[in-house]
Amino acid sequence: MHGNGLLKVFLVIAAISLLLDWYVFSGLKTLIAGWRSRLWQKIVLWGYLLVSVGVTVLLVIGLPAFKTVGGMRPFHEWILSLFLTFLITKLFFILVLFLGDIARLLTGLFKLTKQSHDKPLFPARRKFISEVAVLVAAIPFTSFFYAMLKGKYDYRLHKVTLYFDDLPAAFDGFTITQLSDIHSGSFDDAAAMQKGIDMAKAQKSDLFVFTGDLVNNAATEIEPYLDRFGSIKAPYGQFSILGNHDYGDYIEWKSPEAKSANLETLKQHHKTLDYRLLLNENVTIKKGGQQLSLIGVQNWGRGFIQMGDLNKALSGVPNDAFKVLLSHDPTHWEDHVRYHPANIHLTLSGHTHGAQFGVEIPGFKWSPVKYKYLDWAGLASQNQRYLYVNRGLGFLAFSGRLGIWPEVTVIELKKKVTA
């Protein structure tokens, strides 16, 4: 969703949030009705409204910055994140309160059938219900604050070993470190972010690849971090591709020329980082007299910009070459790569972030993003072709991560030994 359409959605959600505040206010009044101190009653009630409504107002005021060059900064993402935190917390609170009110309604209707009027038709809301509502609402409230304060920099290392019959013997044990979705315009703690870079460097892999979305929108966002990310080196080189956010499609530019200049500046930043940017092209990685083909396409995504040209990127690649493809959006693999006549052994993607929210435990993995993407985190395979979807190093819009933690990936290629 682009520009004005996205702003309208936020305005509608903000209006709904203000209506929810009225219902929450009524529940809080029940909760504190028995307090002796009228002062503390006012502090709780009006303090809640001041914070909740204030965050909504700040969000609405800051909405224009979401689509202007250089406008949306970590501050705006924090406001958006606080708004979402309050919104989800209110929904949990209201769910309990609503169930209690339904019970009150049913009780009143039952009394009508019995023609019993010795007590009020609809019983008063019980304080106990409001207390339960607060306890239930505390779960998302504390979880989202953890996601914003700690979770977004809680880097996790994912190691995957893949076996191939036709892997050149010289590449047996060859390692690839992958980062994706840095989204440098969202960082608000450079020291905490450095831990992810240090983790990537510590792997000492043979090859380093970055699979797109270096910035949120503007090339200037990566400039404070060029030295940091440029310190990542690998013996067989550092390679990168563009993601959908790198094209600057989600903000307004003064002119088409300004937008084009931004993209050219971003490409220069890849050079400064010492990343070889692959734009629908391939390179040959040589080791021990043998080789593999590293292929990189521009973004191709279902519902997103589609500049990726796989056939062009494969130009000159021998049919029997061992192939590793960098393609930002996993829907490219789903729609084209896994069916392509060329046998592309491994595709490395990112893009989804795993929605930055979900559950991953042994044997179970869930995120709301699964309803949009068939393959949204980790390893997938079909017809002996593999896809790995990196969960992303950074974050976007919601300034946090919960359950789906930021990722550094290490892929080890192994030659399958046949008996």
Protein backbone atom coordinates (compact mmCIF):
# COMPACT_ATOMS: atom_id res chain seq x y z
CA MET A 1 0.00 0.00 0.00
CA HIS A 2 1.37 3.39 -0.98
CA GLY A 3 1.17 7.02 0.13
CA ASN A 4 -2.28 8.43 0.72
CA GLY A 5 -3.97 5.03 0.96
CA LEU A 6 -1.79 4.04 3.88
CA LEU A 7 -2.41 7.38 5.62
CA LYS A 8 -6.18 6.93 5.31
CA VAL A 9 -5.93 3.49 6.90
CA PHE A 10 -3.99 4.94 9.84
CA LEU A 11 -6.56 7.71 10.25
CA VAL A 12 -9.41 5.18 10.42
CA ILE A 13 -7.51 3.07 12.95
CA ALA A 14 -6.76 6.19 15.01
CA ALA A 15 -10.47 7.05 15.07
CA ILE A 16 -11.34 3.53 16.21
CA SER A 17 -8.69 3.78 18.92
CA LEU A 18 -10.31 6.92 20.32
CA LEU A 19 -13.68 5.13 20.49
CA LEU A 20 -12.05 2.26 22.35
CA ASP A 21 -10.69 4.74 24.89
CA TRP A 22 -14.25 5.54 25.93
CA TYR A 23 -14.97 1.88 26.71
CA VAL A 24 -11.68 1.40 28.55
CA PHE A 25 -12.40 4.56 30.56
CA SER A 26 -15.70 3.07 31.74
CA GLY A 27 -13.95 -0.13 32.82
CA LEU A 28 -11.30 1.78 34.74
CA LYS A 29 -14.03 3.74 36.56
CA THR A 30 -15.45 0.44 37.81
CA LEU A 31 -11.99 -0.71 38.89
CA ILE A 32 -11.24 2.35 41.04
CA ALA A 33 -14.76 3.09 42.27
CA GLY A 34 -13.95 1.87 45.78
CA TRP A 35 -10.72 3.80 46.21
CA ARG A 36 -10.76 6.23 49.12
CA SER A 37 -8.59 8.83 47.45
CA ARG A 38 -10.48 10.86 44.88
CA LEU A 39 -7.15 12.35 43.84
CA TRP A 40 -5.75 8.97 42.83
CA GLN A 41 -8.97 8.16 41.01
CA LYS A 42 -8.52 11.28 38.91
CA ILE A 43 -4.82 10.57 38.36
CA VAL A 44 -5.57 7.06 37.01
CA LEU A 45 -8.53 8.05 34.82
CA TRP A 46 -7.22 11.28 33.37
CA GLY A 47 -3.64 10.02 33.29
CA TYR A 48 -4.76 7.12 31.11
CA LEU A 49 -6.65 9.39 28.75
CA LEU A 50 -3.78 11.87 28.58
CA VAL A 51 -1.27 9.16 27.59
CA SER A 52 -3.48 7.05 25.31
CA VAL A 53 -5.20 9.92 23.50
CA GLY A 54 -1.93 11.89 23.44
CA VAL A 55 -0.13 9.08 21.62
CA THR A 56 -2.98 8.87 19.09
CA VAL A 57 -2.85 12.63 18.50
CA LEU A 58 0.94 12.54 18.06
CA LEU A 59 0.54 9.72 15.56
CA VAL A 60 -2.01 11.68 13.51
CA ILE A 61 0.14 14.82 13.60
CA GLY A 62 3.18 12.83 12.46
CA LEU A 63 1.42 10.93 9.65
CA PRO A 64 2.65 13.26 6.87
CA ALA A 65 6.24 12.42 7.85
CA PHE A 66 5.60 8.77 6.95
CA LYS A 67 5.72 9.59 3.25
CA THR A 68 8.18 12.49 3.03
CA VAL A 69 11.90 12.22 2.34
CA GLY A 70 13.81 12.21 5.60
CA GLY A 71 10.61 12.75 7.57
CA MET A 72 10.03 9.41 9.26
CA ARG A 73 12.69 8.87 11.87
CA PRO A 74 13.04 6.46 14.81
CA PHE A 75 10.96 8.96 16.84
CA HIS A 76 8.00 8.49 14.49
CA GLU A 77 8.40 4.72 14.61
CA TRP A 78 8.39 4.90 18.41
CA ILE A 79 5.13 6.87 18.34
CA LEU A 80 3.64 4.33 15.94
CA SER A 81 4.89 1.48 18.15
CA LEU A 82 3.43 3.04 21.30
CA PHE A 83 0.14 3.54 19.48
CA LEU A 84 0.06 -0.11 18.42
CA THR A 85 0.98 -1.20 21.95
CA PHE A 86 -1.90 0.78 23.45
CA LEU A 87 -4.27 -0.37 20.72
CA ILE A 88 -3.57 -4.08 21.26
CA THR A 89 -3.64 -3.64 25.05
CA LYS A 90 -7.01 -1.91 24.81
CA LEU A 91 -8.40 -4.71 22.66
CA PHE A 92 -7.41 -7.32 25.25
CA PHE A 93 -8.88 -5.21 28.06
CA ILE A 94 -12.10 -4.64 26.15
CA LEU A 95 -12.46 -8.31 25.23
CA VAL A 96 -12.71 -9.30 28.91
CA LEU A 97 -14.90 -6.31 29.71
CA PHE A 98 -17.19 -7.08 26.77
CA LEU A 99 -17.64 -10.70 27.85
CA GLY A 100 -18.62 -9.46 31.29
CA ASP A 101 -21.10 -7.00 29.79
CA ILE A 102 -22.61 -9.76 27.64
CA ALA A 103 -23.17 -11.76 30.82
CA ARG A 104 -24.88 -8.71 32.37
CA LEU A 105 -27.10 -8.37 29.32
CA LEU A 106 -28.10 -12.03 29.39
CA THR A 107 -28.87 -11.75 33.10
CA GLY A 108 -31.14 -8.78 32.42
CA LEU A 109 -32.95 -10.57 29.61
CA PHE A 110 -33.47 -13.61 31.86
CA LYS A 111 -35.04 -11.34 34.48
CA LEU A 112 -37.41 -9.98 31.89
CA THR A 113 -38.70 -13.48 31.20
CA LYS A 114 -39.22 -14.09 34.94
CA GLN A 115 -40.91 -10.73 35.48
CA SER A 116 -38.59 -10.22 38.44
CA HIS A 117 -38.04 -6.57 39.29
CA ASP A 118 -36.96 -6.76 42.91
CA LYS A 119 -33.43 -5.85 41.78
CA PRO A 120 -32.10 -3.64 38.96
CA LEU A 121 -32.79 -5.18 35.57
CA PHE A 122 -29.13 -5.08 34.54
CA PRO A 123 -26.67 -5.75 37.38
CA ALA A 124 -23.81 -3.33 37.83
CA ARG A 125 -20.49 -4.21 36.28
CA ARG A 126 -18.46 -6.19 38.82
CA LYS A 127 -15.10 -4.85 39.93
CA PHE A 128 -13.71 -8.37 39.57
CA ILE A 129 -14.26 -8.24 35.79
CA SER A 130 -12.24 -5.03 35.49
CA GLU A 131 -9.47 -6.55 37.60
CA VAL A 132 -9.30 -9.59 35.30
CA ALA A 133 -9.30 -7.26 32.29
CA VAL A 134 -6.29 -5.38 33.67
CA LEU A 135 -4.38 -8.62 34.31
CA VAL A 136 -5.11 -9.93 30.81
CA ALA A 137 -4.20 -6.60 29.19
CA ALA A 138 -0.92 -6.52 31.09
CA ILE A 139 0.35 -9.47 29.02
CA PRO A 140 0.48 -7.69 25.62
CA PHE A 141 1.44 -4.39 27.28
CA THR A 142 4.58 -5.77 28.93
CA SER A 143 5.40 -8.01 25.96
CA PHE A 144 5.31 -5.16 23.47
CA PHE A 145 7.46 -2.98 25.68
CA TYR A 146 10.01 -5.79 25.92
CA ALA A 147 9.91 -6.07 22.12
CA MET A 148 10.66 -2.35 21.78
CA LEU A 149 13.30 -2.06 24.49
CA LYS A 150 15.17 -5.36 24.11
CA GLY A 151 13.71 -7.70 21.51
CA LYS A 152 14.63 -5.74 18.40
CA TYR A 153 18.34 -6.11 19.21
CA ASP A 154 18.16 -9.67 20.54
CA TYR A 155 20.15 -11.18 17.67
CA ARG A 156 19.96 -14.91 17.03
CA LEU A 157 22.32 -17.07 15.01
CA HIS A 158 20.72 -19.61 12.69
CA LYS A 159 22.99 -22.28 11.22
CA VAL A 160 21.84 -24.55 8.41
CA THR A 161 23.78 -27.35 6.70
CA LEU A 162 22.62 -28.38 3.23
CA TYR A 163 23.76 -31.45 1.31
CA PHE A 164 23.98 -31.65 -2.49
CA ASP A 165 24.94 -34.47 -4.82
CA ASP A 166 26.48 -32.15 -7.40
CA LEU A 167 28.28 -29.67 -5.17
CA PRO A 168 31.84 -29.27 -6.49
CA ALA A 169 34.16 -31.11 -4.10
CA ALA A 170 36.28 -28.00 -3.50
CA PHE A 171 33.22 -26.31 -1.96
CA ASP A 172 32.50 -29.09 0.53
CA GLY A 173 32.17 -27.21 3.85
CA PHE A 174 31.92 -23.79 2.18
CA THR A 175 30.09 -21.30 4.43
CA ILE A 176 27.91 -18.30 3.60
CA THR A 177 26.88 -15.64 6.11
CA GLN A 178 23.63 -13.91 5.14
CA LEU A 179 22.16 -10.66 6.44
CA SER A 180 18.94 -9.19 5.15
CA ASP A 181 16.59 -6.25 5.75
CA ILE A 182 18.93 -3.98 7.67
CA HIS A 183 16.47 -1.05 7.40
CA SER A 184 19.11 1.36 8.67
CA GLY A 185 16.66 4.26 8.93
CA SER A 186 15.00 2.60 11.91
CA PHE A 187 18.00 2.09 14.20
CA ASP A 188 17.89 4.04 17.45
CA ASP A 189 20.79 2.41 19.33
CA ALA A 190 24.01 2.03 17.34
CA ALA A 191 25.81 0.22 20.18
CA ALA A 192 23.06 -2.40 20.46
CA MET A 193 22.94 -2.79 16.68
CA GLN A 194 26.70 -3.37 16.62
CA LYS A 195 26.15 -6.69 18.39
CA GLY A 196 24.50 -8.03 15.24
CA ILE A 197 27.43 -6.93 13.09
CA ASP A 198 29.88 -8.48 15.53
CA MET A 199 27.94 -11.74 15.43
CA ALA A 200 28.11 -11.80 11.63
CA LYS A 201 31.86 -11.09 11.64
CA ALA A 202 32.52 -13.75 14.29
CA GLN A 203 31.29 -16.49 11.95
CA LYS A 204 34.33 -15.99 9.68
CA SER A 205 32.42 -17.43 6.74
CA ASP A 206 33.91 -17.92 3.28
CA LEU A 207 31.33 -15.66 1.63
CA PHE A 208 29.10 -12.80 2.84
CA VAL A 209 25.81 -11.88 1.17
CA PHE A 210 23.21 -9.21 1.88
CA THR A 211 19.75 -9.80 0.44
CA GLY A 212 18.16 -6.37 0.24
CA ASP A 213 16.47 -3.46 2.03
CA LEU A 214 19.55 -1.59 3.17
CA VAL A 215 17.35 1.44 3.93
CA ASN A 216 13.70 2.25 4.58
CA ASN A 217 13.51 4.84 1.81
CA ALA A 218 16.42 7.28 1.50
CA ALA A 219 20.07 6.52 0.75
CA THR A 220 21.16 8.90 3.54
CA GLU A 221 19.84 6.47 6.18
CA ILE A 222 22.78 4.09 5.85
CA GLU A 223 25.43 6.81 5.94
CA PRO A 224 25.97 6.83 9.75
CA TYR A 225 26.61 3.06 9.62
CA LEU A 226 28.80 2.68 6.53
CA ASP A 227 31.96 2.01 8.53
CA ARG A 228 30.20 -0.50 10.76
CA PHE A 229 28.64 -2.64 8.02
CA GLY A 230 31.64 -2.10 5.78
CA SER A 231 33.78 -3.89 8.35
CA ILE A 232 32.16 -7.22 7.42
CA LYS A 233 34.62 -9.07 5.18
CA ALA A 234 34.87 -12.57 3.75
CA PRO A 235 37.70 -14.32 1.86
CA TYR A 236 35.56 -14.87 -1.24
CA GLY A 237 33.92 -11.46 -1.18
CA GLN A 238 30.84 -9.54 -0.12
CA PHE A 239 27.83 -9.42 -2.44
CA SER A 240 24.45 -7.72 -2.26
CA ILE A 241 21.13 -7.08 -4.02
CA LEU A 242 18.35 -4.51 -3.76
CA GLY A 243 15.08 -4.96 -1.88
CA ASN A 244 11.73 -3.29 -2.50
CA HIS A 245 12.42 -0.46 -0.01
CA ASP A 246 15.71 0.44 -1.67
CA TYR A 247 13.95 1.91 -4.72
CA GLY A 248 12.34 4.73 -2.70
CA ASP A 249 8.82 3.85 -3.82
CA TYR A 250 7.09 4.49 -0.48
CA ILE A 251 7.68 8.21 -0.06
CA GLU A 252 7.10 11.33 -2.14
CA TRP A 253 10.03 12.86 -4.04
CA LYS A 254 10.35 16.37 -5.38
CA SER A 255 10.84 14.97 -8.87
CA PRO A 256 11.51 11.70 -10.70
CA GLU A 257 15.10 12.90 -11.05
CA ALA A 258 15.46 13.21 -7.27
CA LYS A 259 14.20 9.67 -6.83
CA SER A 260 16.57 8.36 -9.48
CA ALA A 261 19.48 10.21 -7.89
CA ASN A 262 18.65 8.63 -4.55
CA LEU A 263 18.93 5.15 -6.05
CA GLU A 264 22.24 5.99 -7.67
CA THR A 265 23.55 7.27 -4.34
CA LEU A 266 22.44 4.06 -2.68
CA LYS A 267 24.32 2.03 -5.29
CA GLN A 268 27.42 4.07 -4.51
CA HIS A 269 26.95 3.27 -0.83
CA HIS A 270 27.09 -0.44 -1.69
CA LYS A 271 30.48 0.26 -3.26
CA THR A 272 31.59 2.13 -0.14
CA LEU A 273 30.55 -0.87 1.92
CA ASP A 274 32.65 -3.01 -0.43
CA TYR A 275 29.56 -5.00 -1.38
CA ARG A 276 29.42 -6.06 -5.03
CA LEU A 277 25.85 -5.15 -5.98
CA LEU A 278 24.37 -7.69 -8.37
CA LEU A 279 21.74 -6.20 -10.69
CA ASN A 280 20.32 -9.09 -12.71
CA GLU A 281 23.79 -10.54 -13.17
CA ASN A 282 26.08 -13.29 -11.95
CA VAL A 283 29.62 -13.80 -10.77
CA THR A 284 31.80 -16.88 -10.60
CA ILE A 285 33.23 -17.93 -7.25
CA LYS A 286 36.37 -20.03 -7.77
CA LYS A 287 37.93 -22.39 -5.25
CA GLY A 288 40.43 -25.20 -5.71
CA GLY A 289 40.13 -25.17 -9.47
CA GLN A 290 36.34 -25.50 -9.32
CA GLN A 291 33.55 -22.94 -9.28
CA LEU A 292 30.00 -22.05 -8.36
CA SER A 293 27.78 -19.34 -9.81
CA LEU A 294 26.43 -16.60 -7.54
CA ILE A 295 23.41 -14.94 -9.15
CA GLY A 296 21.72 -11.73 -8.03
CA VAL A 297 18.44 -10.26 -9.24
CA GLN A 298 16.77 -6.94 -8.64
CA ASN A 299 13.58 -7.05 -6.60
CA TRP A 300 10.78 -9.24 -7.87
CA GLY A 301 7.86 -9.67 -5.51
CA ARG A 302 4.23 -10.62 -5.80
CA GLY A 303 2.44 -7.32 -5.26
CA PHE A 304 5.72 -5.36 -5.15
CA ILE A 305 8.15 -3.88 -7.64
CA GLN A 306 9.14 -6.45 -10.29
CA MET A 307 12.47 -5.50 -11.82
CA GLY A 308 14.11 -8.86 -11.29
CA ASP A 309 15.02 -10.61 -14.54
CA LEU A 310 16.14 -14.13 -13.76
CA ASN A 311 16.86 -15.11 -17.34
CA LYS A 312 19.12 -12.09 -17.79
CA ALA A 313 20.85 -12.82 -14.49
CA LEU A 314 21.52 -16.40 -15.66
CA SER A 315 23.16 -15.26 -18.89
CA GLY A 316 26.43 -17.12 -19.40
CA VAL A 317 25.89 -19.51 -16.49
CA PRO A 318 26.53 -23.14 -17.58
CA ASN A 319 23.52 -25.43 -17.19
CA ASP A 320 25.47 -27.79 -14.98
CA ALA A 321 26.89 -25.08 -12.71
CA PHE A 322 26.13 -25.13 -9.01
CA LYS A 323 23.94 -22.06 -8.53
CA VAL A 324 23.19 -19.83 -5.54
CA LEU A 325 20.61 -17.09 -6.14
CA LEU A 326 20.11 -13.90 -4.15
CA SER A 327 16.49 -12.71 -4.51
CA HIS A 328 14.95 -10.43 -1.89
CA ASP A 329 11.33 -11.58 -1.96
CA PRO A 330 10.54 -15.29 -1.36
CA THR A 331 7.51 -15.10 -3.66
CA HIS A 332 10.01 -14.95 -6.53
CA TRP A 333 11.11 -18.45 -5.58
CA GLU A 334 7.51 -19.57 -5.10
CA ASP A 335 6.31 -18.24 -8.47
CA HIS A 336 9.35 -18.69 -10.71
CA VAL A 337 12.60 -20.04 -9.32
CA ARG A 338 11.44 -23.44 -8.11
CA TYR A 339 9.91 -24.13 -11.55
CA HIS A 340 12.67 -22.59 -13.68
CA PRO A 341 14.36 -24.87 -16.25
CA ALA A 342 17.74 -23.93 -14.78
CA ASN A 343 18.47 -25.94 -11.67
CA ILE A 344 18.99 -23.24 -9.05
CA HIS A 345 20.20 -25.15 -6.06
CA LEU A 346 19.82 -22.54 -3.34
CA THR A 347 17.93 -19.23 -3.11
CA LEU A 348 18.55 -16.77 -0.28
CA SER A 349 15.78 -14.27 0.50
CA GLY A 350 14.45 -12.01 3.23
CA HIS A 351 11.67 -9.39 3.01
CA THR A 352 9.03 -10.83 5.37
CA HIS A 353 10.75 -10.04 8.74
CA GLY A 354 8.54 -12.86 10.03
CA ALA A 355 6.20 -9.90 10.74
CA GLN A 356 8.58 -9.16 13.69
CA PHE A 357 6.00 -10.98 15.82
CA GLY A 358 5.14 -14.61 16.36
CA VAL A 359 6.05 -17.85 18.09
CA GLU A 360 8.96 -20.13 17.28
CA ILE A 361 9.55 -23.16 19.45
CA PRO A 362 10.80 -26.63 18.51
CA GLY A 363 8.16 -28.23 16.33
CA PHE A 364 5.96 -25.16 16.05
CA LYS A 365 6.25 -21.88 14.16
CA TRP A 366 3.56 -19.24 13.75
CA SER A 367 3.34 -15.60 12.69
CA PRO A 368 0.49 -13.60 11.15
CA VAL A 369 2.70 -13.20 8.08
CA LYS A 370 2.08 -16.87 7.26
CA TYR A 371 -1.33 -15.88 5.89
CA LYS A 372 0.41 -13.79 3.22
CA TYR A 373 3.54 -15.81 2.48
CA LEU A 374 3.87 -19.53 1.93
CA ASP A 375 7.53 -19.42 2.99
CA TRP A 376 8.24 -16.67 5.51
CA ALA A 377 11.12 -17.77 7.77
CA GLY A 378 13.79 -20.43 7.63
CA LEU A 379 14.25 -23.29 5.20
CA ALA A 380 11.91 -24.55 2.47
CA SER A 381 12.56 -27.05 -0.31
CA GLN A 382 10.96 -28.48 -3.41
CA ASN A 383 12.34 -30.73 -6.13
CA GLN A 384 15.73 -30.72 -4.39
CA ARG A 385 15.85 -26.91 -4.62
CA TYR A 386 16.21 -24.96 -1.42
CA LEU A 387 14.99 -21.56 -0.24
CA TYR A 388 16.18 -19.89 2.93
CA VAL A 389 14.23 -16.86 4.20
CA ASN A 390 16.21 -14.71 6.60
CA ARG A 391 14.10 -13.07 9.34
CA GLY A 392 15.92 -9.76 8.92
CA LEU A 393 18.51 -7.91 10.97
CA GLY A 394 16.53 -4.70 11.41
CA PHE A 395 12.94 -3.65 11.90
CA LEU A 396 10.44 -1.39 10.20
CA ALA A 397 7.38 0.64 11.32
CA PHE A 398 6.95 -1.27 14.60
CA SER A 399 10.13 -0.49 16.52
CA GLY A 400 10.37 -3.91 18.11
CA ARG A 401 10.47 -7.66 17.73
CA LEU A 402 8.67 -10.29 19.76
CA GLY A 403 9.14 -14.02 19.24
CA ILE A 404 10.62 -13.56 15.75
CA TRP A 405 14.05 -12.26 16.66
CA PRO A 406 16.58 -10.50 14.38
CA GLU A 407 18.77 -12.98 12.56
CA VAL A 408 22.27 -13.72 11.36
CA THR A 409 22.30 -16.76 9.07
CA VAL A 410 25.13 -19.15 8.29
CA ILE A 411 24.61 -21.67 5.48
CA GLU A 412 27.12 -24.51 5.14
CA LEU A 413 27.28 -26.34 1.82
CA LYS A 414 28.19 -30.02 2.03
CA LYS A 415 28.70 -32.62 -0.67
CA LYS A 416 26.44 -35.58 -0.18
CA VAL A 417 28.41 -38.81 0.11
CA THR A 418 26.83 -41.74 -1.68
CA ALA A 419 27.53 -45.27 -0.58
